Structure formats: structure tokens, C-alpha cells
Amino acid sequence: MKASKHELLKAQWQELIREQSESGLSIREWCRRNDISHGKYYYWQRVIREEALIKAGTLAVTGQGQFVEIKSSNGDFSSNTQTTCAILRSNGNEIEILNGADPNTLGLILSLIGRS
């Protein structure tokens, strides 16, 4: 029963998140106008994103943390050209970004860690 309730809530929130995105309003303003807690909005946004990444096989969840492997959009880089372009450290976590990392994946990762 819990799984089906979760799926129903997730579907409802996916629609709400889509509506907010198409509204042109900031999240806080859209939530205020729709009498929705922005904390709840951000919670469901994170849940939906994380479940999508897990389903896509790009996010492995353990009891301690979350990890995302960043792969380049074209996999023909030799190991000597995939040099580190940045290392992000925050709250005891470390993310190494290689040259050629997919910008969309990197943006998603940064938005996820910005909410934690």
C-alpha cells in the first residue's frame, strides 16, 4: 500500500513541478500563489530527480551517501586526456569533475548538492 501511495503522490508532484516550470514564476512565488509549502515542493523535486537518476543507472544510493559517475557525452577520450578540471568539497563530500563532463549531468548534480 505504501508503494502505491508513494507512486500516486509522485505522479501528482511531477505534474505540479511541471506546472511550476511552465508558469515562468519563481518556485517561491508559484508555491505562495498555490498555497504549497516551498519546503514540500523542494522535497518532492529532490525525490523525483533522485528516483529518475537511480532508474537511469546514474545514481547509486548507499546508506551513507549518494554518488554519481560523470561520463563524457562521447566516450572516445583516452585516459590521458580526461584530466581533472575541478574538485568540489563540501560537508565531507568530494566530487571530482573531469574535462569533458556532460554539462547537463553536471548541472543536475550541482542542483542536487545545493539542496542538501
C-alpha atoms as a PDB file:
ATOM      1  CA  MET A   1       0.000   0.000   0.000  1.00  0.00           C
ATOM      2  CA  LYS A   2       2.800   2.438   0.855  1.00  0.00           C
ATOM      3  CA  ALA A   3       4.472   1.947  -2.524  1.00  0.00           C
ATOM      4  CA  SER A   4       1.280   2.688  -4.445  1.00  0.00           C
ATOM      5  CA  LYS A   5       0.573   5.784  -2.302  1.00  0.00           C
ATOM      6  CA  HIS A   6       4.132   6.974  -2.953  1.00  0.00           C
ATOM      7  CA  GLU A   7       3.688   6.475  -6.704  1.00  0.00           C
ATOM      8  CA  LEU A   8       0.381   8.366  -6.645  1.00  0.00           C
ATOM      9  CA  LEU A   9       1.920  11.289  -4.725  1.00  0.00           C
ATOM     10  CA  LYS A  10       4.951  11.245  -7.006  1.00  0.00           C
ATOM     11  CA  ALA A  11       2.727  11.466 -10.100  1.00  0.00           C
ATOM     12  CA  GLN A  12       0.806  14.378  -8.565  1.00  0.00           C
ATOM     13  CA  TRP A  13       4.025  16.191  -7.697  1.00  0.00           C
ATOM     14  CA  GLN A  14       5.510  15.570 -11.143  1.00  0.00           C
ATOM     15  CA  GLU A  15       2.508  17.410 -12.575  1.00  0.00           C
ATOM     16  CA  LEU A  16       2.837  20.250 -10.041  1.00  0.00           C
ATOM     17  CA  ILE A  17       6.549  20.606 -10.749  1.00  0.00           C
ATOM     18  CA  ARG A  18       5.823  20.692 -14.491  1.00  0.00           C
ATOM     19  CA  GLU A  19       3.173  23.379 -13.924  1.00  0.00           C
ATOM     20  CA  GLN A  20       5.609  25.492 -11.902  1.00  0.00           C
ATOM     21  CA  SER A  21       8.294  25.126 -14.543  1.00  0.00           C
ATOM     22  CA  GLU A  22       5.917  26.281 -17.271  1.00  0.00           C
ATOM     23  CA  SER A  23       4.498  29.137 -15.182  1.00  0.00           C
ATOM     24  CA  GLY A  24       7.516  31.413 -15.521  1.00  0.00           C
ATOM     25  CA  LEU A  25       7.280  32.197 -11.796  1.00  0.00           C
ATOM     26  CA  SER A  26       9.968  31.565  -9.212  1.00  0.00           C
ATOM     27  CA  ILE A  27       9.396  28.471  -7.105  1.00  0.00           C
ATOM     28  CA  ARG A  28       8.695  30.545  -4.002  1.00  0.00           C
ATOM     29  CA  GLU A  29       6.178  32.785  -5.795  1.00  0.00           C
ATOM     30  CA  TRP A  30       4.450  29.853  -7.504  1.00  0.00           C
ATOM     31  CA  CYS A  31       4.230  27.998  -4.172  1.00  0.00           C
ATOM     32  CA  ARG A  32       2.825  31.093  -2.449  1.00  0.00           C
ATOM     33  CA  ARG A  33       0.179  31.569  -5.139  1.00  0.00           C
ATOM     34  CA  ASN A  34      -0.787  27.896  -4.980  1.00  0.00           C
ATOM     35  CA  ASP A  35      -0.674  27.657  -1.179  1.00  0.00           C
ATOM     36  CA  ILE A  36       2.045  24.989  -1.252  1.00  0.00           C
ATOM     37  CA  SER A  37       4.949  24.830   1.175  1.00  0.00           C
ATOM     38  CA  HIS A  38       8.153  25.522  -0.751  1.00  0.00           C
ATOM     39  CA  GLY A  39       9.889  23.029   1.552  1.00  0.00           C
ATOM     40  CA  LYS A  40       7.496  20.308   0.434  1.00  0.00           C
ATOM     41  CA  TYR A  41       7.987  21.367  -3.190  1.00  0.00           C
ATOM     42  CA  TYR A  42      11.776  21.063  -2.901  1.00  0.00           C
ATOM     43  CA  TYR A  43      11.433  17.713  -1.080  1.00  0.00           C
ATOM     44  CA  TRP A  44       9.361  16.192  -3.885  1.00  0.00           C
ATOM     45  CA  GLN A  45      11.573  17.731  -6.563  1.00  0.00           C
ATOM     46  CA  ARG A  46      14.594  16.029  -4.967  1.00  0.00           C
ATOM     47  CA  VAL A  47      12.760  12.684  -4.571  1.00  0.00           C
ATOM     48  CA  ILE A  48      11.647  12.708  -8.209  1.00  0.00           C
ATOM     49  CA  ARG A  49      15.107  13.653  -9.514  1.00  0.00           C
ATOM     50  CA  GLU A  50      16.875  11.049  -7.394  1.00  0.00           C
ATOM     51  CA  GLU A  51      14.467   8.281  -8.411  1.00  0.00           C
ATOM     52  CA  ALA A  52      14.905   9.228 -12.073  1.00  0.00           C
ATOM     53  CA  LEU A  53      18.695   9.094 -11.722  1.00  0.00           C
ATOM     54  CA  ILE A  54      18.524   5.736  -9.955  1.00  0.00           C
ATOM     55  CA  LYS A  55      16.231   4.367 -12.666  1.00  0.00           C
ATOM     56  CA  ALA A  56      18.626   5.656 -15.349  1.00  0.00           C
ATOM     57  CA  GLY A  57      21.506   3.921 -13.571  1.00  0.00           C
ATOM     58  CA  THR A  58      23.462   7.119 -12.972  1.00  0.00           C
ATOM     59  CA  LEU A  59      22.926   7.350  -9.207  1.00  0.00           C
ATOM     60  CA  ALA A  60      23.920   4.690  -6.725  1.00  0.00           C
ATOM     61  CA  VAL A  61      22.415   5.152  -3.282  1.00  0.00           C
ATOM     62  CA  THR A  62      24.028   3.680  -0.205  1.00  0.00           C
ATOM     63  CA  GLY A  63      23.160   4.099   3.432  1.00  0.00           C
ATOM     64  CA  GLN A  64      25.795   6.809   3.791  1.00  0.00           C
ATOM     65  CA  GLY A  65      25.624   8.956   0.689  1.00  0.00           C
ATOM     66  CA  GLN A  66      24.896   9.331  -2.960  1.00  0.00           C
ATOM     67  CA  PHE A  67      27.326   9.002  -5.827  1.00  0.00           C
ATOM     68  CA  VAL A  68      27.053   9.973  -9.464  1.00  0.00           C
ATOM     69  CA  GLU A  69      29.518   8.917 -12.109  1.00  0.00           C
ATOM     70  CA  ILE A  70      30.048  11.667 -14.657  1.00  0.00           C
ATOM     71  CA  LYS A  71      30.754  10.386 -18.140  1.00  0.00           C
ATOM     72  CA  SER A  72      31.585  12.431 -21.173  1.00  0.00           C
ATOM     73  CA  SER A  73      28.984  12.616 -23.903  1.00  0.00           C
ATOM     74  CA  ASN A  74      31.372  10.977 -26.339  1.00  0.00           C
ATOM     75  CA  GLY A  75      33.232   8.057 -24.840  1.00  0.00           C
ATOM     76  CA  ASP A  76      36.321   8.154 -27.055  1.00  0.00           C
ATOM     77  CA  PHE A  77      38.580  10.122 -24.704  1.00  0.00           C
ATOM     78  CA  SER A  78      41.812   8.374 -23.909  1.00  0.00           C
ATOM     79  CA  SER A  79      42.720   8.171 -20.236  1.00  0.00           C
ATOM     80  CA  ASN A  80      45.445  10.813 -20.575  1.00  0.00           C
ATOM     81  CA  THR A  81      43.024  13.461 -21.906  1.00  0.00           C
ATOM     82  CA  GLN A  82      40.484  13.018 -19.106  1.00  0.00           C
ATOM     83  CA  THR A  83      42.222  15.241 -16.646  1.00  0.00           C
ATOM     84  CA  THR A  84      40.618  16.691 -13.579  1.00  0.00           C
ATOM     85  CA  CYS A  85      39.265  20.170 -14.184  1.00  0.00           C
ATOM     86  CA  ALA A  86      37.775  20.689 -10.691  1.00  0.00           C
ATOM     87  CA  ILE A  87      37.302  19.057  -7.324  1.00  0.00           C
ATOM     88  CA  LEU A  88      34.345  20.199  -5.236  1.00  0.00           C
ATOM     89  CA  ARG A  89      34.468  19.602  -1.490  1.00  0.00           C
ATOM     90  CA  SER A  90      31.512  20.260   0.789  1.00  0.00           C
ATOM     91  CA  ASN A  91      30.374  18.805   4.107  1.00  0.00           C
ATOM     92  CA  GLY A  92      32.902  15.966   3.934  1.00  0.00           C
ATOM     93  CA  ASN A  93      31.916  15.014   0.376  1.00  0.00           C
ATOM     94  CA  GLU A  94      34.154  15.280  -2.645  1.00  0.00           C
ATOM     95  CA  ILE A  95      33.228  15.404  -6.330  1.00  0.00           C
ATOM     96  CA  GLU A  96      35.923  15.198  -8.988  1.00  0.00           C
ATOM     97  CA  ILE A  97      34.922  16.682 -12.340  1.00  0.00           C
ATOM     98  CA  LEU A  98      36.850  15.571 -15.397  1.00  0.00           C
ATOM     99  CA  ASN A  99      37.365  17.570 -18.562  1.00  0.00           C
ATOM    100  CA  GLY A 100      34.638  16.601 -21.000  1.00  0.00           C
ATOM    101  CA  ALA A 101      31.989  16.000 -18.329  1.00  0.00           C
ATOM    102  CA  ASP A 102      28.443  16.298 -19.645  1.00  0.00           C
ATOM    103  CA  PRO A 103      27.194  19.827 -18.782  1.00  0.00           C
ATOM    104  CA  ASN A 104      23.590  18.705 -18.227  1.00  0.00           C
ATOM    105  CA  THR A 105      24.608  15.983 -15.784  1.00  0.00           C
ATOM    106  CA  LEU A 106      26.947  18.378 -14.022  1.00  0.00           C
ATOM    107  CA  GLY A 107      24.156  20.958 -13.694  1.00  0.00           C
ATOM    108  CA  LEU A 108      21.840  18.349 -12.204  1.00  0.00           C
ATOM    109  CA  ILE A 109      24.499  17.249  -9.727  1.00  0.00           C
ATOM    110  CA  LEU A 110      25.160  20.811  -8.635  1.00  0.00           C
ATOM    111  CA  SER A 111      21.449  21.469  -8.152  1.00  0.00           C
ATOM    112  CA  LEU A 112      21.113  18.304  -6.068  1.00  0.00           C
ATOM    113  CA  ILE A 113      24.029  19.118  -3.781  1.00  0.00           C
ATOM    114  CA  GLY A 114      22.822  22.696  -3.494  1.00  0.00           C
ATOM    115  CA  ARG A 115      19.636  21.400  -1.840  1.00  0.00           C
ATOM    116  CA  SER A 116      21.328  19.132   0.671  1.00  0.00           C
END
